[in-house]
Amino acid sequence: EVDEALKQDLFGLMTGGPESELTMTANAQPAIMANSVATARVLK
């Protein structure tokens, strides 16, 4: 859903890097959120 919202393979970047691109603020912020929300969703 996050990939679809951003029209980007953000999950591919999260899992495969490169780190320099993942660390870019515009990628890091939604990536960290997606990981936290996924954790909450799985818990539920």
Full PDB file with SEQRES, HELIX, SHEET, SSBOND, CRYST1, ORIGX, SCALE, CONECT and MASTER records, all heavy atoms in Angstrom:
SEQRES   1 A   44  GLU VAL ASP GLU ALA LEU LYS GLN ASP LEU PHE GLY LEU          
SEQRES   2 A   44  MET THR GLY GLY PRO GLU SER GLU LEU THR MET THR ALA          
SEQRES   3 A   44  ASN ALA GLN PRO ALA ILE MET ALA ASN SER VAL ALA THR          
SEQRES   4 A   44  ALA ARG VAL LEU LYS                                          
HELIX    1 AA1 VAL A    2  LEU A    6  1                                   5    
HELIX    2 AA2 LEU A   10  GLY A   16  1                                   7    
HELIX    3 AA3 GLU A   19  LEU A   22  1                                   4    
HELIX    4 AA4 THR A   25  LEU A   43  1                                  19    
CRYST1    1.000    1.000    1.000  90.00  90.00  90.00 P 1           1          
ORIGX1      1.000000  0.000000  0.000000        0.00000                         
ORIGX2      0.000000  1.000000  0.000000        0.00000                         
ORIGX3      0.000000  0.000000  1.000000        0.00000                         
SCALE1      1.000000  0.000000  0.000000        0.00000                         
SCALE2      0.000000  1.000000  0.000000        0.00000                         
SCALE3      0.000000  0.000000  1.000000        0.00000                         
ATOM      1  N   GLU A   1       0.839  -1.215   0.000  1.00  0.00           N  
ATOM      2  CA  GLU A   1       0.000   0.000   0.000  1.00  0.00           C  
ATOM      3  C   GLU A   1       0.875   1.266   0.000  1.00  0.00           C  
ATOM      4  O   GLU A   1       0.571   2.242  -0.686  1.00  0.00           O  
ATOM      5  CB  GLU A   1      -0.945   0.011   1.203  1.00  0.00           C  
ATOM      6  CG  GLU A   1      -1.968   1.138   1.116  1.00  0.00           C  
ATOM      7  CD  GLU A   1      -2.974   1.160   2.261  1.00  0.00           C  
ATOM      8  OE1 GLU A   1      -3.332   0.084   2.786  1.00  0.00           O  
ATOM      9  OE2 GLU A   1      -3.403   2.269   2.620  1.00  0.00           O  
ATOM     10  N   VAL A   2       1.976   1.232   0.745  1.00  0.00           N  
ATOM     11  CA  VAL A   2       2.893   2.382   0.772  1.00  0.00           C  
ATOM     12  C   VAL A   2       3.558   2.555  -0.597  1.00  0.00           C  
ATOM     13  O   VAL A   2       3.654   3.676  -1.113  1.00  0.00           O  
ATOM     14  CB  VAL A   2       3.938   2.222   1.904  1.00  0.00           C  
ATOM     15  CG1 VAL A   2       5.026   3.278   1.801  1.00  0.00           C  
ATOM     16  CG2 VAL A   2       3.247   2.323   3.271  1.00  0.00           C  
ATOM     17  N   ASP A   3       3.987   1.448  -1.198  1.00  0.00           N  
ATOM     18  CA  ASP A   3       4.576   1.509  -2.550  1.00  0.00           C  
ATOM     19  C   ASP A   3       3.596   2.123  -3.545  1.00  0.00           C  
ATOM     20  O   ASP A   3       3.970   2.957  -4.369  1.00  0.00           O  
ATOM     21  CB  ASP A   3       4.965   0.100  -3.032  1.00  0.00           C  
ATOM     22  CG  ASP A   3       6.291  -0.379  -2.450  1.00  0.00           C  
ATOM     23  OD1 ASP A   3       6.916   0.380  -1.691  1.00  0.00           O  
ATOM     24  OD2 ASP A   3       6.701  -1.511  -2.769  1.00  0.00           O  
ATOM     25  N   GLU A   4       2.345   1.695  -3.439  1.00  0.00           N  
ATOM     26  CA  GLU A   4       1.303   2.190  -4.346  1.00  0.00           C  
ATOM     27  C   GLU A   4       1.054   3.683  -4.119  1.00  0.00           C  
ATOM     28  O   GLU A   4       0.944   4.463  -5.060  1.00  0.00           O  
ATOM     29  CB  GLU A   4       0.014   1.374  -4.114  1.00  0.00           C  
ATOM     30  CG  GLU A   4      -1.193   1.807  -4.924  1.00  0.00           C  
ATOM     31  CD  GLU A   4      -0.967   1.767  -6.431  1.00  0.00           C  
ATOM     32  OE1 GLU A   4      -0.230   0.886  -6.922  1.00  0.00           O  
ATOM     33  OE2 GLU A   4      -1.538   2.648  -7.114  1.00  0.00           O  
ATOM     34  N   ALA A   5       1.011   4.084  -2.857  1.00  0.00           N  
ATOM     35  CA  ALA A   5       0.764   5.499  -2.518  1.00  0.00           C  
ATOM     36  C   ALA A   5       1.872   6.393  -3.067  1.00  0.00           C  
ATOM     37  O   ALA A   5       1.605   7.513  -3.533  1.00  0.00           O  
ATOM     38  CB  ALA A   5       0.663   5.667  -1.002  1.00  0.00           C  
ATOM     39  N   LEU A   6       3.113   5.903  -3.017  1.00  0.00           N  
ATOM     40  CA  LEU A   6       4.262   6.718  -3.406  1.00  0.00           C  
ATOM     41  C   LEU A   6       4.691   6.476  -4.854  1.00  0.00           C  
ATOM     42  O   LEU A   6       5.606   7.136  -5.345  1.00  0.00           O  
ATOM     43  CB  LEU A   6       5.451   6.441  -2.469  1.00  0.00           C  
ATOM     44  CG  LEU A   6       5.207   6.737  -0.987  1.00  0.00           C  
ATOM     45  CD1 LEU A   6       6.430   6.381  -0.161  1.00  0.00           C  
ATOM     46  CD2 LEU A   6       4.822   8.200  -0.772  1.00  0.00           C  
ATOM     47  N   LYS A   7       4.033   5.497  -5.502  1.00  0.00           N  
ATOM     48  CA  LYS A   7       4.395   5.139  -6.892  1.00  0.00           C  
ATOM     49  C   LYS A   7       5.903   4.848  -6.983  1.00  0.00           C  
ATOM     50  O   LYS A   7       6.614   5.353  -7.846  1.00  0.00           O  
ATOM     51  CB  LYS A   7       4.015   6.266  -7.876  1.00  0.00           C  
ATOM     52  CG  LYS A   7       2.543   6.645  -7.855  1.00  0.00           C  
ATOM     53  CD  LYS A   7       1.704   5.583  -8.565  1.00  0.00           C  
ATOM     54  CE  LYS A   7       0.228   5.937  -8.640  1.00  0.00           C  
ATOM     55  NZ  LYS A   7      -0.531   5.524  -7.449  1.00  0.00           N  
ATOM     56  N   GLN A   8       6.362   4.021  -6.059  1.00  0.00           N  
ATOM     57  CA  GLN A   8       7.792   3.733  -5.944  1.00  0.00           C  
ATOM     58  C   GLN A   8       7.967   2.363  -5.309  1.00  0.00           C  
ATOM     59  O   GLN A   8       7.155   1.955  -4.475  1.00  0.00           O  
ATOM     60  CB  GLN A   8       8.442   4.803  -5.039  1.00  0.00           C  
ATOM     61  CG  GLN A   8       9.902   4.564  -4.718  1.00  0.00           C  
ATOM     62  CD  GLN A   8      10.384   5.371  -3.520  1.00  0.00           C  
ATOM     63  OE1 GLN A   8       9.575   5.958  -2.798  1.00  0.00           O  
ATOM     64  NE2 GLN A   8      11.681   5.406  -3.273  1.00  0.00           N  
ATOM     65  N   ASP A   9       9.028   1.655  -5.658  1.00  0.00           N  
ATOM     66  CA  ASP A   9       9.338   0.386  -4.988  1.00  0.00           C  
ATOM     67  C   ASP A   9      10.144   0.673  -3.725  1.00  0.00           C  
ATOM     68  O   ASP A   9      11.328   0.360  -3.630  1.00  0.00           O  
ATOM     69  CB  ASP A   9      10.104  -0.545  -5.944  1.00  0.00           C  
ATOM     70  CG  ASP A   9      10.401  -1.908  -5.308  1.00  0.00           C  
ATOM     71  OD1 ASP A   9       9.790  -2.230  -4.260  1.00  0.00           O  
ATOM     72  OD2 ASP A   9      11.261  -2.640  -5.839  1.00  0.00           O  
ATOM     73  N   LEU A  10       9.476   1.307  -2.760  1.00  0.00           N  
ATOM     74  CA  LEU A  10      10.158   1.655  -1.510  1.00  0.00           C  
ATOM     75  C   LEU A  10      10.552   0.397  -0.751  1.00  0.00           C  
ATOM     76  O   LEU A  10      11.624   0.328  -0.152  1.00  0.00           O  
ATOM     77  CB  LEU A  10       9.265   2.544  -0.637  1.00  0.00           C  
ATOM     78  CG  LEU A  10       9.890   3.040   0.668  1.00  0.00           C  
ATOM     79  CD1 LEU A  10      11.074   3.972   0.407  1.00  0.00           C  
ATOM     80  CD2 LEU A  10       8.861   3.753   1.545  1.00  0.00           C  
ATOM     81  N   PHE A  11       9.680  -0.621  -0.800  1.00  0.00           N  
ATOM     82  CA  PHE A  11       9.988  -1.857  -0.071  1.00  0.00           C  
ATOM     83  C   PHE A  11      11.251  -2.519  -0.639  1.00  0.00           C  
ATOM     84  O   PHE A  11      12.077  -3.042   0.106  1.00  0.00           O  
ATOM     85  CB  PHE A  11       8.806  -2.830  -0.094  1.00  0.00           C  
ATOM     86  CG  PHE A  11       9.034  -4.033   0.761  1.00  0.00           C  
ATOM     87  CD1 PHE A  11       9.235  -3.906   2.128  1.00  0.00           C  
ATOM     88  CD2 PHE A  11       9.085  -5.308   0.202  1.00  0.00           C  
ATOM     89  CE1 PHE A  11       9.472  -5.021   2.930  1.00  0.00           C  
ATOM     90  CE2 PHE A  11       9.317  -6.422   1.003  1.00  0.00           C  
ATOM     91  CZ  PHE A  11       9.510  -6.286   2.363  1.00  0.00           C  
ATOM     92  N   GLY A  12      11.422  -2.452  -1.950  1.00  0.00           N  
ATOM     93  CA  GLY A  12      12.639  -2.979  -2.570  1.00  0.00           C  
ATOM     94  C   GLY A  12      13.874  -2.251  -2.061  1.00  0.00           C  
ATOM     95  O   GLY A  12      14.923  -2.859  -1.818  1.00  0.00           O  
ATOM     96  N   LEU A  13      13.728  -0.960  -1.862  1.00  0.00           N  
ATOM     97  CA  LEU A  13      14.822  -0.140  -1.339  1.00  0.00           C  
ATOM     98  C   LEU A  13      15.099  -0.478   0.132  1.00  0.00           C  
ATOM     99  O   LEU A  13      16.249  -0.550   0.569  1.00  0.00           O  
ATOM    100  CB  LEU A  13      14.447   1.345  -1.485  1.00  0.00           C  
ATOM    101  CG  LEU A  13      15.490   2.403  -1.159  1.00  0.00           C  
ATOM    102  CD1 LEU A  13      16.740   2.216  -2.001  1.00  0.00           C  
ATOM    103  CD2 LEU A  13      14.904   3.792  -1.408  1.00  0.00           C  
ATOM    104  N   MET A  14      14.019  -0.710   0.897  1.00  0.00           N  
ATOM    105  CA  MET A  14      14.159  -1.065   2.315  1.00  0.00           C  
ATOM    106  C   MET A  14      14.893  -2.397   2.484  1.00  0.00           C  
ATOM    107  O   MET A  14      15.749  -2.538   3.356  1.00  0.00           O  
ATOM    108  CB  MET A  14      12.774  -1.174   2.976  1.00  0.00           C  
ATOM    109  CG  MET A  14      12.077   0.159   3.168  1.00  0.00           C  
ATOM    110  SD  MET A  14      10.296  -0.016   3.493  1.00  0.00           S  
ATOM    111  CE  MET A  14      10.294  -0.824   5.103  1.00  0.00           C  
ATOM    112  N   THR A  15      14.559  -3.345   1.619  1.00  0.00           N  
ATOM    113  CA  THR A  15      15.116  -4.694   1.796  1.00  0.00           C  
ATOM    114  C   THR A  15      16.448  -4.881   1.072  1.00  0.00           C  
ATOM    115  O   THR A  15      17.293  -5.648   1.515  1.00  0.00           O  
ATOM    116  CB  THR A  15      14.119  -5.760   1.316  1.00  0.00           C  
ATOM    117  OG1 THR A  15      13.675  -5.424  -0.006  1.00  0.00           O  
ATOM    118  CG2 THR A  15      12.917  -5.835   2.237  1.00  0.00           C  
ATOM    119  N   GLY A  16      16.648  -4.151  -0.051  1.00  0.00           N  
ATOM    120  CA  GLY A  16      17.841  -4.380  -0.851  1.00  0.00           C  
ATOM    121  C   GLY A  16      18.814  -3.219  -0.958  1.00  0.00           C  
ATOM    122  O   GLY A  16      19.893  -3.359  -1.515  1.00  0.00           O  
ATOM    123  N   GLY A  17      18.409  -2.053  -0.448  1.00  0.00           N  
ATOM    124  CA  GLY A  17      19.285  -0.872  -0.539  1.00  0.00           C  
ATOM    125  C   GLY A  17      19.266  -0.275  -1.945  1.00  0.00           C  
ATOM    126  O   GLY A  17      18.328  -0.531  -2.704  1.00  0.00           O  
ATOM    127  N   PRO A  18      20.257   0.545  -2.309  1.00  0.00           N  
ATOM    128  CA  PRO A  18      21.454   0.862  -1.522  1.00  0.00           C  
ATOM    129  C   PRO A  18      21.159   1.742  -0.302  1.00  0.00           C  
ATOM    130  O   PRO A  18      20.196   2.502  -0.310  1.00  0.00           O  
ATOM    131  CB  PRO A  18      22.349   1.616  -2.522  1.00  0.00           C  
ATOM    132  CG  PRO A  18      21.392   2.239  -3.471  1.00  0.00           C  
ATOM    133  CD  PRO A  18      20.247   1.273  -3.597  1.00  0.00           C  
ATOM    134  N   GLU A  19      22.002   1.609   0.708  1.00  0.00           N  
ATOM    135  CA  GLU A  19      21.812   2.331   1.967  1.00  0.00           C  
ATOM    136  C   GLU A  19      21.792   3.849   1.754  1.00  0.00           C  
ATOM    137  O   GLU A  19      21.012   4.558   2.387  1.00  0.00           O  
ATOM    138  CB  GLU A  19      22.923   1.960   2.954  1.00  0.00           C  
ATOM    139  CG  GLU A  19      22.631   2.440   4.361  1.00  0.00           C  
ATOM    140  CD  GLU A  19      23.648   1.963   5.386  1.00  0.00           C  
ATOM    141  OE1 GLU A  19      24.479   1.099   5.046  1.00  0.00           O  
ATOM    142  OE2 GLU A  19      23.599   2.465   6.507  1.00  0.00           O  
ATOM    143  N   SER A  20      22.647   4.322   0.827  1.00  0.00           N  
ATOM    144  CA  SER A  20      22.728   5.771   0.581  1.00  0.00           C  
ATOM    145  C   SER A  20      21.385   6.336   0.125  1.00  0.00           C  
ATOM    146  O   SER A  20      21.012   7.454   0.471  1.00  0.00           O  
ATOM    147  CB  SER A  20      23.792   6.070  -0.473  1.00  0.00           C  
ATOM    148  OG  SER A  20      23.498   5.354  -1.673  1.00  0.00           O  
ATOM    149  N   GLU A  21      20.631   5.516  -0.615  1.00  0.00           N  
ATOM    150  CA  GLU A  21      19.327   5.969  -1.110  1.00  0.00           C  
ATOM    151  C   GLU A  21      18.247   5.842  -0.039  1.00  0.00           C  
ATOM    152  O   GLU A  21      17.376   6.696   0.099  1.00  0.00           O  
ATOM    153  CB  GLU A  21      18.944   5.147  -2.348  1.00  0.00           C  
ATOM    154  CG  GLU A  21      18.193   5.956  -3.383  1.00  0.00           C  
ATOM    155  CD  GLU A  21      17.979   5.171  -4.669  1.00  0.00           C  
ATOM    156  OE1 GLU A  21      18.961   4.651  -5.221  1.00  0.00           O  
ATOM    157  OE2 GLU A  21      16.816   5.078  -5.092  1.00  0.00           O  
ATOM    158  N   LEU A  22      18.348   4.771   0.757  1.00  0.00           N  
ATOM    159  CA  LEU A  22      17.387   4.564   1.845  1.00  0.00           C  
ATOM    160  C   LEU A  22      17.523   5.659   2.900  1.00  0.00           C  
ATOM    161  O   LEU A  22      16.533   6.092   3.491  1.00  0.00           O  
ATOM    162  CB  LEU A  22      17.617   3.185   2.490  1.00  0.00           C  
ATOM    163  CG  LEU A  22      16.710   2.835   3.678  1.00  0.00           C  
ATOM    164  CD1 LEU A  22      15.238   2.830   3.284  1.00  0.00           C  
ATOM    165  CD2 LEU A  22      17.099   1.486   4.273  1.00  0.00           C  
ATOM    166  N   THR A  23      18.752   6.137   3.110  1.00  0.00           N  
ATOM    167  CA  THR A  23      19.017   7.151   4.132  1.00  0.00           C  
ATOM    168  C   THR A  23      18.507   8.532   3.731  1.00  0.00           C  
ATOM    169  O   THR A  23      18.315   9.393   4.584  1.00  0.00           O  
ATOM    170  CB  THR A  23      20.537   7.211   4.416  1.00  0.00           C  
ATOM    171  OG1 THR A  23      20.948   5.889   4.783  1.00  0.00           O  
ATOM    172  CG2 THR A  23      20.884   8.126   5.575  1.00  0.00           C  
ATOM    173  N   MET A  24      18.271   8.750   2.430  1.00  0.00           N  
ATOM    174  CA  MET A  24      17.728  10.039   1.992  1.00  0.00           C  
ATOM    175  C   MET A  24      16.411  10.309   2.711  1.00  0.00           C  
ATOM    176  O   MET A  24      15.541   9.438   2.775  1.00  0.00           O  
ATOM    177  CB  MET A  24      17.519  10.047   0.472  1.00  0.00           C  
ATOM    178  CG  MET A  24      18.821  10.172  -0.308  1.00  0.00           C  
ATOM    179  SD  MET A  24      18.587   9.818  -2.077  1.00  0.00           S  
ATOM    180  CE  MET A  24      17.484  11.164  -2.525  1.00  0.00           C  
ATOM    181  N   THR A  25      16.292  11.509   3.240  1.00  0.00           N  
ATOM    182  CA  THR A  25      15.164  11.863   4.101  1.00  0.00           C  
ATOM    183  C   THR A  25      13.804  11.509   3.493  1.00  0.00           C  
ATOM    184  O   THR A  25      12.930  10.977   4.178  1.00  0.00           O  
ATOM    185  CB  THR A  25      15.231  13.373   4.419  1.00  0.00           C  
ATOM    186  OG1 THR A  25      16.498  13.624   5.020  1.00  0.00           O  
ATOM    187  CG2 THR A  25      14.166  13.794   5.388  1.00  0.00           C  
ATOM    188  N   ALA A  26      13.645  11.776   2.208  1.00  0.00           N  
ATOM    189  CA  ALA A  26      12.347  11.540   1.552  1.00  0.00           C  
ATOM    190  C   ALA A  26      12.005  10.051   1.466  1.00  0.00           C  
ATOM    191  O   ALA A  26      10.836   9.685   1.331  1.00  0.00           O  
ATOM    192  CB  ALA A  26      12.347  12.155   0.154  1.00  0.00           C  
ATOM    193  N   ASN A  27      13.027   9.178   1.557  1.00  0.00           N  
ATOM    194  CA  ASN A  27      12.791   7.727   1.566  1.00  0.00           C  
ATOM    195  C   ASN A  27      12.754   7.170   2.989  1.00  0.00           C  
ATOM    196  O   ASN A  27      11.921   6.327   3.318  1.00  0.00           O  
ATOM    197  CB  ASN A  27      13.892   6.998   0.780  1.00  0.00           C  
ATOM    198  CG  ASN A  27      13.824   7.290  -0.705  1.00  0.00           C  
ATOM    199  OD1 ASN A  27      12.747   7.429  -1.269  1.00  0.00           O  
ATOM    200  ND2 ASN A  27      14.980   7.384  -1.344  1.00  0.00           N  
ATOM    201  N   ALA A  28      13.682   7.659   3.821  1.00  0.00           N  
ATOM    202  CA  ALA A  28      13.794   7.125   5.188  1.00  0.00           C  
ATOM    203  C   ALA A  28      12.504   7.337   5.981  1.00  0.00           C  
ATOM    204  O   ALA A  28      12.055   6.442   6.699  1.00  0.00           O  
ATOM    205  CB  ALA A  28      14.971   7.772   5.913  1.00  0.00           C  
ATOM    206  N   GLN A  29      11.893   8.519   5.820  1.00  0.00           N  
ATOM    207  CA  GLN A  29      10.718   8.834   6.648  1.00  0.00           C  
ATOM    208  C   GLN A  29       9.543   7.877   6.383  1.00  0.00           C  
ATOM    209  O   GLN A  29       9.043   7.245   7.308  1.00  0.00           O  
ATOM    210  CB  GLN A  29      10.318  10.302   6.477  1.00  0.00           C  
ATOM    211  CG  GLN A  29      11.401  11.242   6.995  1.00  0.00           C  
ATOM    212  CD  GLN A  29      10.906  12.641   7.360  1.00  0.00           C  
ATOM    213  OE1 GLN A  29       9.723  12.869   7.546  1.00  0.00           O  
ATOM    214  NE2 GLN A  29      11.824  13.574   7.478  1.00  0.00           N  
ATOM    215  N   PRO A  30       9.090   7.725   5.115  1.00  0.00           N  
ATOM    216  CA  PRO A  30       7.995   6.766   4.895  1.00  0.00           C  
ATOM    217  C   PRO A  30       8.404   5.316   5.158  1.00  0.00           C  
ATOM    218  O   PRO A  30       7.578   4.501   5.579  1.00  0.00           O  
ATOM    219  CB  PRO A  30       7.599   6.979   3.428  1.00  0.00           C  
ATOM    220  CG  PRO A  30       8.699   7.750   2.795  1.00  0.00           C  
ATOM    221  CD  PRO A  30       9.393   8.497   3.894  1.00  0.00           C  
ATOM    222  N   ALA A  31       9.699   4.987   4.956  1.00  0.00           N  
ATOM    223  CA  ALA A  31      10.148   3.607   5.188  1.00  0.00           C  
ATOM    224  C   ALA A  31      10.052   3.231   6.665  1.00  0.00           C  
ATOM    225  O   ALA A  31       9.573   2.144   7.011  1.00  0.00           O  
ATOM    226  CB  ALA A  31      11.587   3.440   4.697  1.00  0.00           C  
ATOM    227  N   ILE A  32      10.516   4.113   7.523  1.00  0.00           N  
ATOM    228  CA  ILE A  32      10.474   3.850   8.970  1.00  0.00           C  
ATOM    229  C   ILE A  32       9.022   3.735   9.439  1.00  0.00           C  
ATOM    230  O   ILE A  32       8.676   2.846  10.226  1.00  0.00           O  
ATOM    231  CB  ILE A  32      11.228   4.960   9.734  1.00  0.00           C  
ATOM    232  CG1 ILE A  32      12.728   4.862   9.423  1.00  0.00           C  
ATOM    233  CG2 ILE A  32      10.981   4.872  11.236  1.00  0.00           C  
ATOM    234  CD1 ILE A  32      13.516   6.120   9.736  1.00  0.00           C  
ATOM    235  N   MET A  33       8.181   4.615   8.929  1.00  0.00           N  
ATOM    236  CA  MET A  33       6.746   4.557   9.268  1.00  0.00           C  
ATOM    237  C   MET A  33       6.140   3.235   8.808  1.00  0.00           C  
ATOM    238  O   MET A  33       5.436   2.563   9.561  1.00  0.00           O  
ATOM    239  CB  MET A  33       6.028   5.751   8.623  1.00  0.00           C  
ATOM    240  CG  MET A  33       4.533   5.818   8.865  1.00  0.00           C  
ATOM    241  SD  MET A  33       3.494   4.771   7.796  1.00  0.00           S  
ATOM    242  CE  MET A  33       3.826   5.451   6.172  1.00  0.00           C  
ATOM    243  N   ALA A  34       6.419   2.835   7.558  1.00  0.00           N  
ATOM    244  CA  ALA A  34       5.841   1.593   7.016  1.00  0.00           C  
ATOM    245  C   ALA A  34       6.240   0.394   7.867  1.00  0.00           C  
ATOM    246  O   ALA A  34       5.418  -0.480   8.172  1.00  0.00           O  
ATOM    247  CB  ALA A  34       6.301   1.396   5.567  1.00  0.00           C  
ATOM    248  N   ASN A  35       7.497   0.365   8.294  1.00  0.00           N  
ATOM    249  CA  ASN A  35       7.981  -0.741   9.115  1.00  0.00           C  
ATOM    250  C   ASN A  35       7.275  -0.773  10.473  1.00  0.00           C  
ATOM    251  O   ASN A  35       6.865  -1.842  10.941  1.00  0.00           O  
ATOM    252  CB  ASN A  35       9.493  -0.613   9.291  1.00  0.00           C  
ATOM    253  CG  ASN A  35      10.119  -1.855   9.881  1.00  0.00           C  
ATOM    254  OD1 ASN A  35       9.844  -2.966   9.437  1.00  0.00           O  
ATOM    255  ND2 ASN A  35      10.952  -1.685  10.878  1.00  0.00           N  
ATOM    256  N   SER A  36       7.112   0.394  11.096  1.00  0.00           N  
ATOM    257  CA  SER A  36       6.426   0.457  12.400  1.00  0.00           C  
ATOM    258  C   SER A  36       4.954   0.060  12.281  1.00  0.00           C  
ATOM    259  O   SER A  36       4.432  -0.695  13.110  1.00  0.00           O  
ATOM    260  CB  SER A  36       6.509   1.878  12.973  1.00  0.00           C  
ATOM    261  OG  SER A  36       7.795   2.159  13.447  1.00  0.00           O  
ATOM    262  N   VAL A  37       4.291   0.585  11.250  1.00  0.00           N  
ATOM    263  CA  VAL A  37       2.855   0.309  11.084  1.00  0.00           C  
ATOM    264  C   VAL A  37       2.634  -1.168  10.713  1.00  0.00           C  
ATOM    265  O   VAL A  37       1.679  -1.795  11.184  1.00  0.00           O  
ATOM    266  CB  VAL A  37       2.227   1.271  10.053  1.00  0.00           C  
ATOM    267  CG1 VAL A  37       0.805   0.866   9.714  1.00  0.00           C  
ATOM    268  CG2 VAL A  37       2.240   2.700  10.609  1.00  0.00           C  
ATOM    269  N   ALA A  38       3.546  -1.716   9.909  1.00  0.00           N  
ATOM    270  CA  ALA A  38       3.454  -3.147   9.582  1.00  0.00           C  
ATOM    271  C   ALA A  38       3.576  -3.990  10.853  1.00  0.00           C  
ATOM    272  O   ALA A  38       2.849  -4.978  11.034  1.00  0.00           O  
ATOM    273  CB  ALA A  38       4.544  -3.535   8.585  1.00  0.00           C  
ATOM    274  N   THR A  39       4.473  -3.585  11.738  1.00  0.00           N  
ATOM    275  CA  THR A  39       4.658  -4.299  13.010  1.00  0.00           C  
ATOM    276  C   THR A  39       3.369  -4.262  13.828  1.00  0.00           C  
ATOM    277  O   THR A  39       2.921  -5.288  14.362  1.00  0.00           O  
ATOM    278  CB  THR A  39       5.819  -3.668  13.814  1.00  0.00           C  
ATOM    279  OG1 THR A  39       6.975  -3.601  12.981  1.00  0.00           O  
ATOM    280  CG2 THR A  39       6.156  -4.488  15.045  1.00  0.00           C  
ATOM    281  N   ALA A  40       2.745  -3.089  13.906  1.00  0.00           N  
ATOM    282  CA  ALA A  40       1.479  -2.947  14.648  1.00  0.00           C  
ATOM    283  C   ALA A  40       0.373  -3.771  13.994  1.00  0.00           C  
ATOM    284  O   ALA A  40      -0.438  -4.409  14.674  1.00  0.00           O  
ATOM    285  CB  ALA A  40       1.078  -1.477  14.716  1.00  0.00           C  
ATOM    286  N   ARG A  41       0.344  -3.767  12.650  1.00  0.00           N  
ATOM    287  CA  ARG A  41      -0.692  -4.505  11.898  1.00  0.00           C  
ATOM    288  C   ARG A  41      -0.553  -6.014  12.124  1.00  0.00           C  
ATOM    289  O   ARG A  41      -1.540  -6.714  12.334  1.00  0.00           O  
ATOM    290  CB  ARG A  41      -0.573  -4.143  10.407  1.00  0.00           C  
ATOM    291  CG  ARG A  41      -1.538  -4.853   9.474  1.00  0.00           C  
ATOM    292  CD  ARG A  41      -2.832  -4.117   9.197  1.00  0.00           C  
ATOM    293  NE  ARG A  41      -2.727  -2.747   8.757  1.00  0.00           N  
ATOM    294  CZ  ARG A  41      -2.862  -2.346   7.489  1.00  0.00           C  
ATOM    295  NH1 ARG A  41      -3.032  -3.231   6.516  1.00  0.00           N  
ATOM    296  NH2 ARG A  41      -2.844  -1.068   7.189  1.00  0.00           N  
ATOM    297  N   VAL A  42       0.680  -6.518  12.077  1.00  0.00           N  
ATOM    298  CA  VAL A  42       0.911  -7.960  12.291  1.00  0.00           C  
ATOM    299  C   VAL A  42       0.535  -8.346  13.726  1.00  0.00           C  
ATOM    300  O   VAL A  42      -0.095  -9.386  13.967  1.00  0.00           O  
ATOM    301  CB  VAL A  42       2.389  -8.326  11.993  1.00  0.00           C  
ATOM    302  CG1 VAL A  42       2.699  -9.757  12.429  1.00  0.00           C  
ATOM    303  CG2 VAL A  42       2.680  -8.151  10.499  1.00  0.00           C  
ATOM    304  N   LEU A  43       0.875  -7.488  14.677  1.00  0.00           N  
ATOM    305  CA  LEU A  43       0.539  -7.746  16.082  1.00  0.00           C  
ATOM    306  C   LEU A  43      -0.981  -7.913  16.246  1.00  0.00           C  
ATOM    307  O   LEU A  43      -1.451  -8.793  16.962  1.00  0.00           O  
ATOM    308  CB  LEU A  43       1.057  -6.597  16.953  1.00  0.00           C  
ATOM    309  CG  LEU A  43       0.951  -6.761  18.464  1.00  0.00           C  
ATOM    310  CD1 LEU A  43       1.751  -7.957  18.964  1.00  0.00           C  
ATOM    311  CD2 LEU A  43       1.420  -5.490  19.177  1.00  0.00           C  
ATOM    312  N   LYS A  44      -1.711  -7.072  15.530  1.00  0.00           N  
ATOM    313  CA  LYS A  44      -3.174  -7.110  15.632  1.00  0.00           C  
ATOM    314  C   LYS A  44      -3.771  -8.278  14.846  1.00  0.00           C  
ATOM    315  O   LYS A  44      -4.580  -9.051  15.366  1.00  0.00           O  
ATOM    316  CB  LYS A  44      -3.753  -5.784  15.118  1.00  0.00           C  
ATOM    317  CG  LYS A  44      -5.275  -5.714  15.199  1.00  0.00           C  
ATOM    318  CD  LYS A  44      -5.808  -4.400  14.644  1.00  0.00           C  
ATOM    319  CE  LYS A  44      -7.331  -4.378  14.677  1.00  0.00           C  
ATOM    320  NZ  LYS A  44      -7.860  -3.112  14.144  1.00  0.00           N  
TER     321      LYS A  44                                                      
MASTER        0    0    0    4    0    0    0    6  320    1    0    4          
END                                                                             
